[in-house]
Amino acid sequence: MSPGGLPASDVFIRSMATRGQQGGLAHAAQTCAALLAACGWPWIILETVGAGQVEVDIAATADITVVVLNPGWGDEIQAHKAGMMEIGDIFVINKADRPGLSDTRRHLELLLAGRRADAPHVPVVETVAVGKQGIEVLWQEVTARQALLSTQIPRERRRNRLEQVLHEAMRARLAARMQEVIRSGAGASAVARLDEGAAHLPELVDELVSAMFQPPGRNGSDSD
């Protein structure tokens, strides 16, 4: 059985590459999460590619963000990075059987104490994944947080998250359309004119941006 009480046969796992997208999540991850939620899946777990300064998109997607650190592996420094201390609803020190656990926990609790006064309490859980130690405690913290959110989640937070989902979808669509225009006849012409000094960069940018919002095939924007 999984921690959430589901039999293993009812657990679906799908790996998705970020394709160079900063933020730790693929563009399609948010859409997939929304689809699974609409299909009635009780728990949707998103694992990001890492924990760095810019990999905080997970906080705009998930109701609960669990930040996992390791003792003695330099994660104390990672925790200092912008955003990391703000996005975590629960902090986990995994591999808690390794040396440096007490130093890591003390350092983490000191950083958490520096959060704003009205910030909710953030639990710190110690686990040893290979030995299944601390997993039940972690799950209890997750379910407790979920129960709190189900009754007290601010409407503004949900709207901000949906706004972020819309923003990411629009950015992905615009980036794809930009590549189409750059690789089109209009894009090739712009590169040639720039190379010949026949046009200024701002002028060419305005032309190509206009081409992005024209139907495909007009003004040579999608011609070979």
N, C-alpha and C. Protein backbone atom coordinates (compact mmCIF):
# COMPACT_ATOMS: atom_id res chain seq x y z
N MET A 1 0.85 -1.20 0.00
CA MET A 1 0.00 0.00 0.00
C MET A 1 0.88 1.25 0.00
N SER A 2 0.43 2.28 -0.66
CA SER A 2 1.12 3.56 -0.64
C SER A 2 0.78 4.30 0.65
N PRO A 3 1.56 5.34 1.03
CA PRO A 3 1.24 6.09 2.25
C PRO A 3 -0.18 6.63 2.27
N GLY A 4 -0.75 6.95 1.11
CA GLY A 4 -2.08 7.50 1.05
C GLY A 4 -3.18 6.46 1.10
N GLY A 5 -2.82 5.18 1.28
CA GLY A 5 -3.81 4.13 1.39
C GLY A 5 -4.22 3.51 0.07
N LEU A 6 -3.58 3.92 -1.04
CA LEU A 6 -3.92 3.35 -2.34
C LEU A 6 -3.09 2.10 -2.58
N PRO A 7 -3.69 1.06 -3.15
CA PRO A 7 -2.88 -0.11 -3.53
C PRO A 7 -1.92 0.28 -4.65
N ALA A 8 -0.80 -0.44 -4.73
CA ALA A 8 0.22 -0.11 -5.72
C ALA A 8 -0.33 -0.11 -7.14
N SER A 9 -1.34 -0.94 -7.40
CA SER A 9 -1.92 -1.01 -8.74
C SER A 9 -2.66 0.27 -9.13
N ASP A 10 -2.98 1.09 -8.15
CA ASP A 10 -3.70 2.34 -8.42
C ASP A 10 -2.78 3.55 -8.42
N VAL A 11 -1.47 3.31 -8.47
CA VAL A 11 -0.49 4.39 -8.52
C VAL A 11 0.04 4.53 -9.94
N PHE A 12 -0.08 5.72 -10.51
CA PHE A 12 0.38 5.99 -11.86
C PHE A 12 1.59 6.91 -11.79
N ILE A 13 2.67 6.55 -12.48
CA ILE A 13 3.91 7.33 -12.48
C ILE A 13 4.23 7.73 -13.91
N ARG A 14 4.50 9.01 -14.12
CA ARG A 14 4.85 9.50 -15.46
C ARG A 14 6.03 10.45 -15.36
N SER A 15 7.12 10.11 -16.04
CA SER A 15 8.30 10.97 -16.05
C SER A 15 8.17 11.99 -17.17
N MET A 16 8.50 13.25 -16.85
CA MET A 16 8.41 14.32 -17.84
C MET A 16 9.69 15.15 -17.80
N ALA A 17 10.37 15.25 -18.94
CA ALA A 17 11.58 16.05 -19.01
C ALA A 17 11.23 17.53 -18.98
N THR A 18 12.11 18.33 -18.38
CA THR A 18 11.87 19.77 -18.33
C THR A 18 12.20 20.45 -19.65
N ARG A 19 12.97 19.77 -20.50
CA ARG A 19 13.35 20.32 -21.82
C ARG A 19 13.99 21.70 -21.68
N GLY A 20 14.83 21.83 -20.67
CA GLY A 20 15.55 23.08 -20.49
C GLY A 20 14.77 24.17 -19.78
N GLN A 21 13.53 23.88 -19.42
CA GLN A 21 12.71 24.88 -18.74
C GLN A 21 13.20 25.11 -17.32
N GLN A 22 13.56 26.36 -17.00
CA GLN A 22 13.94 26.68 -15.63
C GLN A 22 12.71 26.70 -14.74
N GLY A 23 12.92 26.41 -13.48
CA GLY A 23 11.81 26.38 -12.54
C GLY A 23 11.57 25.00 -11.97
N GLY A 24 12.20 23.96 -12.59
CA GLY A 24 12.11 22.61 -12.05
C GLY A 24 10.96 21.78 -12.58
N LEU A 25 10.05 22.38 -13.36
CA LEU A 25 8.89 21.66 -13.89
C LEU A 25 8.79 21.86 -15.39
N ALA A 26 8.34 20.82 -16.09
CA ALA A 26 8.05 20.95 -17.51
C ALA A 26 6.80 21.81 -17.68
N HIS A 27 6.69 22.46 -18.84
CA HIS A 27 5.52 23.29 -19.10
C HIS A 27 4.22 22.48 -18.97
N ALA A 28 4.28 21.21 -19.40
CA ALA A 28 3.07 20.40 -19.43
C ALA A 28 2.70 19.83 -18.05
N ALA A 29 3.60 19.95 -17.08
CA ALA A 29 3.35 19.33 -15.77
C ALA A 29 2.12 19.92 -15.09
N GLN A 30 1.96 21.22 -15.18
CA GLN A 30 0.82 21.86 -14.54
C GLN A 30 -0.49 21.43 -15.20
N THR A 31 -0.47 21.31 -16.53
CA THR A 31 -1.66 20.87 -17.24
C THR A 31 -2.00 19.43 -16.88
N CYS A 32 -0.98 18.59 -16.80
CA CYS A 32 -1.20 17.18 -16.44
C CYS A 32 -1.76 17.06 -15.03
N ALA A 33 -1.24 17.87 -14.11
CA ALA A 33 -1.74 17.84 -12.73
C ALA A 33 -3.21 18.24 -12.68
N ALA A 34 -3.56 19.27 -13.45
CA ALA A 34 -4.96 19.72 -13.49
C ALA A 34 -5.85 18.63 -14.09
N LEU A 35 -5.37 17.94 -15.10
CA LEU A 35 -6.14 16.86 -15.73
C LEU A 35 -6.38 15.71 -14.76
N LEU A 36 -5.32 15.30 -14.06
CA LEU A 36 -5.45 14.21 -13.09
C LEU A 36 -6.40 14.59 -11.96
N ALA A 37 -6.33 15.84 -11.53
CA ALA A 37 -7.24 16.30 -10.48
C ALA A 37 -8.68 16.26 -10.96
N ALA A 38 -8.90 16.65 -12.22
CA ALA A 38 -10.25 16.62 -12.78
C ALA A 38 -10.77 15.20 -12.92
N CYS A 39 -9.85 14.25 -13.08
CA CYS A 39 -10.24 12.84 -13.20
C CYS A 39 -10.47 12.18 -11.84
N GLY A 40 -10.24 12.93 -10.78
CA GLY A 40 -10.56 12.41 -9.46
C GLY A 40 -9.43 11.73 -8.71
N TRP A 41 -8.19 11.88 -9.18
CA TRP A 41 -7.08 11.28 -8.44
C TRP A 41 -6.94 11.99 -7.09
N PRO A 42 -6.92 11.25 -5.99
CA PRO A 42 -6.93 11.88 -4.66
C PRO A 42 -5.62 12.57 -4.31
N TRP A 43 -4.50 12.02 -4.79
CA TRP A 43 -3.19 12.62 -4.48
C TRP A 43 -2.38 12.70 -5.77
N ILE A 44 -1.81 13.87 -6.02
CA ILE A 44 -0.94 14.07 -7.18
C ILE A 44 0.38 14.61 -6.65
N ILE A 45 1.44 13.85 -6.83
CA ILE A 45 2.76 14.22 -6.30
C ILE A 45 3.65 14.62 -7.47
N LEU A 46 4.19 15.83 -7.41
CA LEU A 46 5.10 16.34 -8.43
C LEU A 46 6.51 16.40 -7.84
N GLU A 47 7.43 15.72 -8.48
CA GLU A 47 8.83 15.77 -8.04
C GLU A 47 9.62 16.62 -9.02
N THR A 48 10.27 17.65 -8.52
CA THR A 48 11.05 18.54 -9.38
C THR A 48 12.43 17.96 -9.61
N VAL A 49 13.18 18.58 -10.54
CA VAL A 49 14.50 18.07 -10.88
C VAL A 49 15.54 18.40 -9.83
N GLY A 50 15.23 19.29 -8.91
CA GLY A 50 16.22 19.65 -7.91
C GLY A 50 15.71 20.74 -7.01
N ALA A 51 16.60 21.29 -6.21
CA ALA A 51 16.23 22.37 -5.29
C ALA A 51 17.26 23.47 -5.42
N GLY A 52 16.97 24.42 -6.27
CA GLY A 52 17.90 25.52 -6.50
C GLY A 52 17.20 26.86 -6.39
N GLN A 53 17.92 27.88 -6.73
CA GLN A 53 17.40 29.24 -6.54
C GLN A 53 16.21 29.55 -7.44
N VAL A 54 16.22 29.01 -8.68
CA VAL A 54 15.16 29.34 -9.62
C VAL A 54 14.11 28.25 -9.71
N GLU A 55 14.32 27.13 -9.03
CA GLU A 55 13.40 26.00 -9.18
C GLU A 55 12.29 26.08 -8.14
N VAL A 56 11.49 27.11 -8.27
CA VAL A 56 10.43 27.34 -7.29
C VAL A 56 9.05 27.37 -7.94
N ASP A 57 8.95 26.94 -9.21
CA ASP A 57 7.65 26.90 -9.87
C ASP A 57 6.70 25.94 -9.18
N ILE A 58 7.26 24.96 -8.47
CA ILE A 58 6.43 23.97 -7.79
C ILE A 58 5.48 24.65 -6.80
N ALA A 59 5.92 25.73 -6.18
CA ALA A 59 5.08 26.41 -5.20
C ALA A 59 3.87 27.07 -5.84
N ALA A 60 3.96 27.37 -7.13
CA ALA A 60 2.84 27.96 -7.85
C ALA A 60 1.90 26.90 -8.40
N THR A 61 2.29 25.62 -8.27
CA THR A 61 1.51 24.53 -8.84
C THR A 61 0.87 23.67 -7.77
N ALA A 62 1.62 23.37 -6.71
CA ALA A 62 1.15 22.42 -5.70
C ALA A 62 0.55 23.14 -4.49
N ASP A 63 -0.39 22.47 -3.85
CA ASP A 63 -0.96 23.00 -2.60
C ASP A 63 0.05 22.92 -1.47
N ILE A 64 0.87 21.86 -1.49
CA ILE A 64 1.86 21.64 -0.43
C ILE A 64 3.22 21.45 -1.07
N THR A 65 4.22 22.15 -0.57
CA THR A 65 5.58 22.02 -1.08
C THR A 65 6.47 21.42 -0.01
N VAL A 66 7.07 20.27 -0.31
CA VAL A 66 7.98 19.60 0.61
C VAL A 66 9.40 19.77 0.08
N VAL A 67 10.25 20.40 0.85
CA VAL A 67 11.65 20.60 0.47
C VAL A 67 12.51 19.56 1.17
N VAL A 68 13.26 18.79 0.38
CA VAL A 68 14.08 17.71 0.92
C VAL A 68 15.55 18.11 0.89
N LEU A 69 16.20 18.03 2.03
CA LEU A 69 17.62 18.33 2.17
C LEU A 69 18.35 17.11 2.69
N ASN A 70 19.67 17.13 2.56
CA ASN A 70 20.51 16.05 3.08
C ASN A 70 21.58 16.61 3.99
N PRO A 71 21.91 15.95 5.08
CA PRO A 71 22.96 16.45 5.97
C PRO A 71 24.35 16.29 5.36
N GLY A 72 25.16 17.32 5.52
CA GLY A 72 26.55 17.22 5.12
C GLY A 72 26.81 17.27 3.63
N TRP A 73 25.81 17.62 2.83
CA TRP A 73 25.99 17.67 1.38
C TRP A 73 25.89 19.08 0.83
N GLY A 74 26.08 20.06 1.69
CA GLY A 74 26.04 21.44 1.24
C GLY A 74 24.65 22.01 1.07
N ASP A 75 23.63 21.26 1.53
CA ASP A 75 22.27 21.75 1.37
C ASP A 75 21.97 22.92 2.29
N GLU A 76 22.80 23.08 3.34
CA GLU A 76 22.62 24.25 4.19
C GLU A 76 22.79 25.53 3.37
N ILE A 77 23.73 25.48 2.42
CA ILE A 77 23.96 26.63 1.55
C ILE A 77 22.78 26.80 0.59
N GLN A 78 22.28 25.67 0.05
CA GLN A 78 21.14 25.73 -0.86
C GLN A 78 19.94 26.40 -0.18
N ALA A 79 19.77 26.11 1.11
CA ALA A 79 18.61 26.64 1.83
C ALA A 79 18.64 28.16 1.91
N HIS A 80 19.83 28.75 1.78
CA HIS A 80 19.95 30.21 1.83
C HIS A 80 19.43 30.87 0.56
N LYS A 81 19.33 30.12 -0.53
CA LYS A 81 19.03 30.72 -1.81
C LYS A 81 17.64 31.33 -1.82
N ALA A 82 17.50 32.37 -2.64
CA ALA A 82 16.24 33.12 -2.70
C ALA A 82 15.08 32.20 -3.02
N GLY A 83 14.03 32.30 -2.25
CA GLY A 83 12.83 31.54 -2.52
C GLY A 83 12.72 30.23 -1.77
N MET A 84 13.84 29.58 -1.50
CA MET A 84 13.80 28.25 -0.91
C MET A 84 13.12 28.24 0.45
N MET A 85 13.46 29.21 1.28
CA MET A 85 12.89 29.23 2.63
C MET A 85 11.43 29.66 2.62
N GLU A 86 11.00 30.31 1.55
CA GLU A 86 9.63 30.81 1.48
C GLU A 86 8.66 29.79 0.92
N ILE A 87 9.13 28.90 0.03
CA ILE A 87 8.19 28.00 -0.64
C ILE A 87 7.90 26.75 0.18
N GLY A 88 8.77 26.41 1.13
CA GLY A 88 8.61 25.15 1.85
C GLY A 88 7.49 25.18 2.87
N ASP A 89 6.53 24.23 2.75
CA ASP A 89 5.51 24.04 3.77
C ASP A 89 5.96 23.00 4.79
N ILE A 90 6.79 22.08 4.33
CA ILE A 90 7.38 21.03 5.17
C ILE A 90 8.82 20.84 4.71
N PHE A 91 9.74 20.75 5.66
CA PHE A 91 11.13 20.48 5.32
C PHE A 91 11.49 19.07 5.80
N VAL A 92 12.18 18.33 4.94
CA VAL A 92 12.58 16.96 5.26
C VAL A 92 14.10 16.87 5.19
N ILE A 93 14.69 16.33 6.25
CA ILE A 93 16.12 16.02 6.21
C ILE A 93 16.21 14.53 5.99
N ASN A 94 16.45 14.13 4.75
CA ASN A 94 16.56 12.70 4.42
C ASN A 94 18.00 12.24 4.66
N LYS A 95 18.18 10.92 4.68
CA LYS A 95 19.48 10.33 5.00
C LYS A 95 19.91 10.81 6.39
N ALA A 96 18.95 10.79 7.31
CA ALA A 96 19.19 11.31 8.65
C ALA A 96 20.15 10.44 9.46
N ASP A 97 20.56 9.30 8.91
CA ASP A 97 21.54 8.46 9.59
C ASP A 97 22.97 8.86 9.24
N ARG A 98 23.13 9.88 8.43
CA ARG A 98 24.47 10.33 8.04
C ARG A 98 25.00 11.36 9.05
N PRO A 99 26.33 11.50 9.12
CA PRO A 99 26.91 12.52 10.00
C PRO A 99 26.48 13.92 9.58
N GLY A 100 26.37 14.80 10.55
CA GLY A 100 26.02 16.19 10.26
C GLY A 100 24.55 16.49 10.40
N LEU A 101 23.76 15.51 10.86
CA LEU A 101 22.31 15.71 10.99
C LEU A 101 21.99 16.85 11.95
N SER A 102 22.60 16.83 13.13
CA SER A 102 22.26 17.83 14.15
C SER A 102 22.62 19.23 13.68
N ASP A 103 23.75 19.38 12.98
CA ASP A 103 24.16 20.69 12.48
C ASP A 103 23.18 21.18 11.42
N THR A 104 22.77 20.28 10.53
CA THR A 104 21.83 20.64 9.47
C THR A 104 20.49 21.06 10.05
N ARG A 105 19.99 20.30 11.02
CA ARG A 105 18.70 20.63 11.62
C ARG A 105 18.77 21.96 12.36
N ARG A 106 19.82 22.18 13.12
CA ARG A 106 19.96 23.42 13.87
C ARG A 106 20.03 24.62 12.92
N HIS A 107 20.79 24.45 11.84
CA HIS A 107 20.92 25.53 10.87
C HIS A 107 19.59 25.82 10.19
N LEU A 108 18.86 24.76 9.84
CA LEU A 108 17.58 24.92 9.17
C LEU A 108 16.56 25.59 10.08
N GLU A 109 16.50 25.16 11.32
CA GLU A 109 15.55 25.75 12.26
C GLU A 109 15.87 27.21 12.53
N LEU A 110 17.15 27.56 12.51
CA LEU A 110 17.55 28.95 12.68
C LEU A 110 17.05 29.80 11.52
N LEU A 111 17.18 29.26 10.30
CA LEU A 111 16.70 29.98 9.12
C LEU A 111 15.18 30.12 9.13
N LEU A 112 14.49 29.07 9.54
CA LEU A 112 13.03 29.10 9.58
C LEU A 112 12.54 30.10 10.63
N ALA A 113 13.31 30.26 11.69
CA ALA A 113 12.93 31.21 12.73
C ALA A 113 12.97 32.64 12.22
N GLY A 114 13.69 32.86 11.13
CA GLY A 114 13.81 34.19 10.57
C GLY A 114 12.70 34.55 9.60
N ARG A 115 11.78 33.61 9.36
CA ARG A 115 10.65 33.93 8.50
C ARG A 115 9.75 34.94 9.18
N ARG A 116 8.91 35.58 8.38
CA ARG A 116 8.05 36.64 8.92
C ARG A 116 7.17 36.10 10.05
N ALA A 117 6.78 36.98 10.93
CA ALA A 117 6.09 36.58 12.16
C ALA A 117 4.75 35.90 11.89
N ASP A 118 4.06 36.30 10.82
CA ASP A 118 2.74 35.72 10.55
C ASP A 118 2.81 34.45 9.71
N ALA A 119 4.02 33.96 9.39
CA ALA A 119 4.16 32.74 8.61
C ALA A 119 3.74 31.54 9.46
N PRO A 120 3.06 30.55 8.85
CA PRO A 120 2.63 29.38 9.62
C PRO A 120 3.83 28.54 10.05
N HIS A 121 3.60 27.73 11.08
CA HIS A 121 4.65 26.84 11.57
C HIS A 121 5.06 25.86 10.47
N VAL A 122 6.35 25.67 10.31
CA VAL A 122 6.88 24.75 9.30
C VAL A 122 7.57 23.59 9.99
N PRO A 123 7.01 22.38 9.87
CA PRO A 123 7.65 21.23 10.53
C PRO A 123 8.92 20.78 9.81
N VAL A 124 9.84 20.23 10.59
CA VAL A 124 11.06 19.64 10.05
C VAL A 124 11.05 18.15 10.42
N VAL A 125 11.07 17.29 9.41
CA VAL A 125 10.95 15.86 9.61
C VAL A 125 12.24 15.17 9.20
N GLU A 126 12.70 14.24 10.01
CA GLU A 126 13.89 13.46 9.68
C GLU A 126 13.47 12.10 9.13
N THR A 127 14.07 11.72 8.00
CA THR A 127 13.74 10.44 7.39
C THR A 127 15.00 9.70 6.95
N VAL A 128 14.85 8.39 6.83
CA VAL A 128 15.86 7.54 6.19
C VAL A 128 15.07 6.69 5.20
N ALA A 129 15.02 7.14 3.95
CA ALA A 129 14.12 6.55 2.97
C ALA A 129 14.38 5.06 2.76
N VAL A 130 15.65 4.67 2.68
CA VAL A 130 15.96 3.27 2.40
C VAL A 130 15.52 2.36 3.54
N GLY A 131 15.44 2.91 4.76
CA GLY A 131 15.00 2.12 5.90
C GLY A 131 13.55 2.38 6.28
N LYS A 132 12.86 3.19 5.47
CA LYS A 132 11.46 3.55 5.69
C LYS A 132 11.25 4.20 7.06
N GLN A 133 12.27 4.88 7.55
CA GLN A 133 12.17 5.55 8.84
C GLN A 133 11.65 6.98 8.65
N GLY A 134 10.68 7.36 9.46
CA GLY A 134 10.14 8.71 9.42
C GLY A 134 9.10 8.94 8.33
N ILE A 135 8.82 7.93 7.51
CA ILE A 135 7.87 8.10 6.41
C ILE A 135 6.46 8.36 6.93
N GLU A 136 6.06 7.60 7.96
CA GLU A 136 4.71 7.78 8.51
C GLU A 136 4.56 9.16 9.14
N VAL A 137 5.61 9.62 9.81
CA VAL A 137 5.57 10.96 10.41
C VAL A 137 5.44 12.02 9.32
N LEU A 138 6.18 11.84 8.24
CA LEU A 138 6.09 12.78 7.12
C LEU A 138 4.69 12.79 6.54
N TRP A 139 4.12 11.60 6.35
CA TRP A 139 2.77 11.53 5.78
C TRP A 139 1.73 12.18 6.71
N GLN A 140 1.93 12.03 8.00
CA GLN A 140 1.03 12.68 8.95
C GLN A 140 1.09 14.20 8.80
N GLU A 141 2.29 14.72 8.61
CA GLU A 141 2.44 16.17 8.43
C GLU A 141 1.78 16.62 7.12
N VAL A 142 1.92 15.81 6.08
CA VAL A 142 1.32 16.15 4.79
C VAL A 142 -0.20 16.17 4.90
N THR A 143 -0.78 15.13 5.50
CA THR A 143 -2.24 15.06 5.61
C THR A 143 -2.78 16.15 6.54
N ALA A 144 -2.01 16.49 7.57
CA ALA A 144 -2.44 17.57 8.46
C ALA A 144 -2.45 18.90 7.72
N ARG A 145 -1.46 19.11 6.90
CA ARG A 145 -1.39 20.34 6.12
C ARG A 145 -2.52 20.38 5.10
N GLN A 146 -2.80 19.23 4.48
CA GLN A 146 -3.88 19.17 3.49
C GLN A 146 -5.23 19.46 4.14
N ALA A 147 -5.44 18.92 5.34
CA ALA A 147 -6.71 19.17 6.04
C ALA A 147 -6.86 20.65 6.36
N LEU A 148 -5.75 21.30 6.71
CA LEU A 148 -5.79 22.74 7.00
C LEU A 148 -6.13 23.54 5.75
N LEU A 149 -5.51 23.15 4.62
CA LEU A 149 -5.75 23.88 3.38
C LEU A 149 -7.17 23.70 2.88
N SER A 150 -7.75 22.53 3.13
CA SER A 150 -9.10 22.27 2.62
C SER A 150 -10.14 23.18 3.25
N THR A 151 -9.81 23.75 4.41
CA THR A 151 -10.77 24.63 5.08
C THR A 151 -10.31 26.08 5.13
N GLN A 152 -9.00 26.31 4.98
CA GLN A 152 -8.49 27.67 5.18
C GLN A 152 -7.69 28.22 4.00
N ILE A 153 -7.60 27.45 2.90
CA ILE A 153 -6.79 27.94 1.78
C ILE A 153 -7.37 29.25 1.25
N PRO A 154 -6.60 30.31 1.23
CA PRO A 154 -7.11 31.61 0.77
C PRO A 154 -7.48 31.56 -0.71
N ARG A 155 -8.57 32.20 -1.05
CA ARG A 155 -8.98 32.24 -2.44
C ARG A 155 -7.93 32.95 -3.29
N GLU A 156 -7.27 33.94 -2.70
CA GLU A 156 -6.25 34.67 -3.44
C GLU A 156 -5.11 33.75 -3.85
N ARG A 157 -4.73 32.81 -2.97
CA ARG A 157 -3.65 31.89 -3.29
C ARG A 157 -4.03 31.00 -4.47
N ARG A 158 -5.27 30.52 -4.47
CA ARG A 158 -5.71 29.67 -5.57
C ARG A 158 -5.75 30.46 -6.88
N ARG A 159 -6.23 31.69 -6.83
CA ARG A 159 -6.28 32.51 -8.03
C ARG A 159 -4.88 32.83 -8.53
N ASN A 160 -3.94 33.08 -7.62
CA ASN A 160 -2.56 33.34 -8.02
C ASN A 160 -1.95 32.12 -8.70
N ARG A 161 -2.29 30.93 -8.19
CA ARG A 161 -1.76 29.71 -8.78
C ARG A 161 -2.32 29.50 -10.18
N LEU A 162 -3.62 29.75 -10.35
CA LEU A 162 -4.23 29.61 -11.67
C LEU A 162 -3.67 30.66 -12.64
N GLU A 163 -3.40 31.85 -12.12
CA GLU A 163 -2.78 32.88 -12.95
C GLU A 163 -1.41 32.44 -13.42
N GLN A 164 -0.65 31.77 -12.54
CA GLN A 164 0.66 31.27 -12.90
C GLN A 164 0.56 30.17 -13.96
N VAL A 165 -0.43 29.30 -13.82
CA VAL A 165 -0.64 28.24 -14.81
C VAL A 165 -0.93 28.86 -16.18
N LEU A 166 -1.80 29.86 -16.20
CA LEU A 166 -2.13 30.54 -17.45
C LEU A 166 -0.91 31.24 -18.03
N HIS A 167 -0.13 31.86 -17.18
CA HIS A 167 1.09 32.56 -17.62
C HIS A 167 2.06 31.59 -18.27
N GLU A 168 2.27 30.44 -17.66
CA GLU A 168 3.21 29.46 -18.20
C GLU A 168 2.72 28.90 -19.53
N ALA A 169 1.41 28.65 -19.64
CA ALA A 169 0.86 28.13 -20.88
C ALA A 169 1.01 29.15 -22.01
N MET A 170 0.76 30.42 -21.70
CA MET A 170 0.92 31.47 -22.71
C MET A 170 2.38 31.62 -23.11
N ARG A 171 3.28 31.56 -22.14
CA ARG A 171 4.70 31.71 -22.45
C ARG A 171 5.19 30.58 -23.35
N ALA A 172 4.72 29.35 -23.09
CA ALA A 172 5.12 28.22 -23.92
C ALA A 172 4.60 28.39 -25.34
N ARG A 173 3.33 28.83 -25.47
CA ARG A 173 2.76 29.03 -26.80
C ARG A 173 3.49 30.12 -27.56
N LEU A 174 3.80 31.23 -26.88
CA LEU A 174 4.50 32.32 -27.54
C LEU A 174 5.91 31.92 -27.95
N ALA A 175 6.59 31.14 -27.09
CA ALA A 175 7.94 30.70 -27.42
C ALA A 175 7.93 29.80 -28.65
N ALA A 176 6.94 28.92 -28.74
CA ALA A 176 6.83 28.04 -29.90
C ALA A 176 6.56 28.84 -31.17
N ARG A 177 5.66 29.83 -31.07
CA ARG A 177 5.34 30.66 -32.23
C ARG A 177 6.55 31.49 -32.64
N MET A 178 7.32 31.98 -31.67
CA MET A 178 8.51 32.76 -31.98
C MET A 178 9.50 31.93 -32.78
N GLN A 179 9.69 30.66 -32.39
CA GLN A 179 10.60 29.79 -33.13
C GLN A 179 10.11 29.55 -34.55
N GLU A 180 8.80 29.42 -34.73
CA GLU A 180 8.24 29.24 -36.07
C GLU A 180 8.57 30.43 -36.96
N VAL A 181 8.40 31.64 -36.42
CA VAL A 181 8.64 32.84 -37.21
C VAL A 181 10.13 33.01 -37.52
N ILE A 182 10.99 32.73 -36.53
CA ILE A 182 12.43 32.85 -36.74
C ILE A 182 12.91 31.91 -37.83
N ARG A 183 12.33 30.72 -37.91
CA ARG A 183 12.74 29.72 -38.90
C ARG A 183 12.01 29.87 -40.23
N SER A 184 11.13 30.85 -40.33
CA SER A 184 10.34 31.05 -41.55
C SER A 184 11.10 31.93 -42.54
N GLY A 185 10.44 32.17 -43.68
CA GLY A 185 11.04 33.06 -44.67
C GLY A 185 11.24 34.46 -44.13
N ALA A 186 10.29 34.93 -43.32
CA ALA A 186 10.42 36.26 -42.74
C ALA A 186 11.62 36.33 -41.81
N GLY A 187 11.85 35.26 -41.07
CA GLY A 187 12.99 35.22 -40.18
C GLY A 187 14.30 35.21 -40.94
N ALA A 188 14.36 34.41 -42.01
CA ALA A 188 15.58 34.34 -42.82
C ALA A 188 15.87 35.69 -43.47
N SER A 189 14.80 36.36 -43.93
CA SER A 189 14.97 37.69 -44.54
C SER A 189 15.49 38.69 -43.52
N ALA A 190 14.98 38.62 -42.29
CA ALA A 190 15.42 39.54 -41.25
C ALA A 190 16.89 39.32 -40.92
N VAL A 191 17.31 38.06 -40.86
CA VAL A 191 18.71 37.76 -40.57
C VAL A 191 19.61 38.31 -41.68
N ALA A 192 19.18 38.12 -42.94
CA ALA A 192 19.97 38.59 -44.08
C ALA A 192 20.09 40.12 -44.07
N ARG A 193 19.00 40.80 -43.81
CA ARG A 193 19.02 42.27 -43.77
C ARG A 193 19.88 42.77 -42.62
N LEU A 194 19.83 42.07 -41.49
CA LEU A 194 20.67 42.47 -40.36
C LEU A 194 22.13 42.25 -40.68
N ASP A 195 22.44 41.16 -41.38
CA ASP A 195 23.82 40.86 -41.76
C ASP A 195 24.36 41.88 -42.76
N GLU A 196 23.49 42.35 -43.64
CA GLU A 196 23.90 43.32 -44.66
C GLU A 196 23.88 44.76 -44.14
N GLY A 197 23.37 44.96 -42.94
CA GLY A 197 23.28 46.31 -42.41
C GLY A 197 22.16 47.11 -43.05
N ALA A 198 21.20 46.40 -43.63
CA ALA A 198 20.11 47.07 -44.35
C ALA A 198 18.96 47.46 -43.44
N ALA A 199 19.01 47.04 -42.18
CA ALA A 199 17.93 47.36 -41.25
C ALA A 199 18.49 47.34 -39.83
N HIS A 200 17.83 48.07 -38.95
CA HIS A 200 18.24 48.11 -37.56
C HIS A 200 17.52 47.02 -36.77
N LEU A 201 18.15 46.55 -35.72
CA LEU A 201 17.59 45.46 -34.93
C LEU A 201 16.19 45.77 -34.38
N PRO A 202 15.96 46.96 -33.77
CA PRO A 202 14.61 47.23 -33.25
C PRO A 202 13.54 47.15 -34.33
N GLU A 203 13.88 47.63 -35.54
CA GLU A 203 12.93 47.58 -36.66
C GLU A 203 12.58 46.15 -37.01
N LEU A 204 13.59 45.28 -37.07
CA LEU A 204 13.36 43.88 -37.43
C LEU A 204 12.58 43.16 -36.34
N VAL A 205 12.88 43.49 -35.10
CA VAL A 205 12.15 42.86 -33.99
C VAL A 205 10.68 43.21 -34.07
N ASP A 206 10.36 44.48 -34.34
CA ASP A 206 8.96 44.89 -34.46
C ASP A 206 8.27 44.13 -35.59
N GLU A 207 8.96 43.94 -36.71
CA GLU A 207 8.38 43.22 -37.85
C GLU A 207 8.08 41.77 -37.48
N LEU A 208 9.02 41.12 -36.82
CA LEU A 208 8.85 39.71 -36.50
C LEU A 208 7.80 39.50 -35.41
N VAL A 209 7.75 40.43 -34.48
CA VAL A 209 6.71 40.34 -33.45
C VAL A 209 5.33 40.48 -34.08
N SER A 210 5.21 41.38 -35.04
CA SER A 210 3.94 41.53 -35.75
C SER A 210 3.59 40.26 -36.51
N ALA A 211 4.61 39.63 -37.10
CA ALA A 211 4.38 38.39 -37.84
C ALA A 211 3.92 37.26 -36.93
N MET A 212 4.35 37.30 -35.67
CA MET A 212 3.95 36.25 -34.73
C MET A 212 2.45 36.21 -34.53
N PHE A 213 1.80 37.37 -34.64
CA PHE A 213 0.38 37.46 -34.34
C PHE A 213 -0.48 37.47 -35.60
N GLN A 214 0.14 37.16 -36.75
CA GLN A 214 -0.60 37.02 -37.98
C GLN A 214 -0.90 35.54 -38.23
N PRO A 215 -1.99 35.22 -38.92
CA PRO A 215 -2.28 33.82 -39.24
C PRO A 215 -1.13 33.20 -40.03
N PRO A 216 -0.79 31.93 -39.78
CA PRO A 216 0.30 31.28 -40.51
C PRO A 216 0.10 31.37 -42.01
N GLY A 217 1.20 31.64 -42.72
CA GLY A 217 1.15 31.67 -44.18
C GLY A 217 1.02 33.06 -44.76
N ARG A 218 0.75 34.08 -43.91
CA ARG A 218 0.61 35.44 -44.40
C ARG A 218 1.94 36.17 -44.38
N ASN A 219 2.18 37.00 -45.38
CA ASN A 219 3.38 37.83 -45.46
C ASN A 219 4.66 37.01 -45.40
N GLY A 220 4.57 35.76 -45.80
CA GLY A 220 5.77 34.93 -45.86
C GLY A 220 6.29 34.51 -44.53
N SER A 221 5.54 34.70 -43.44
CA SER A 221 6.06 34.37 -42.12
C SER A 221 6.26 32.88 -41.93
N ASP A 222 5.54 32.06 -42.72
CA ASP A 222 5.70 30.62 -42.57
C ASP A 222 6.11 29.97 -43.89
N SER A 223 6.61 30.77 -44.79
CA SER A 223 7.07 30.21 -46.06
C SER A 223 8.49 29.72 -45.91
N ASP A 224 8.90 28.86 -46.83
CA ASP A 224 10.24 28.30 -46.77
C ASP A 224 11.25 29.31 -47.31
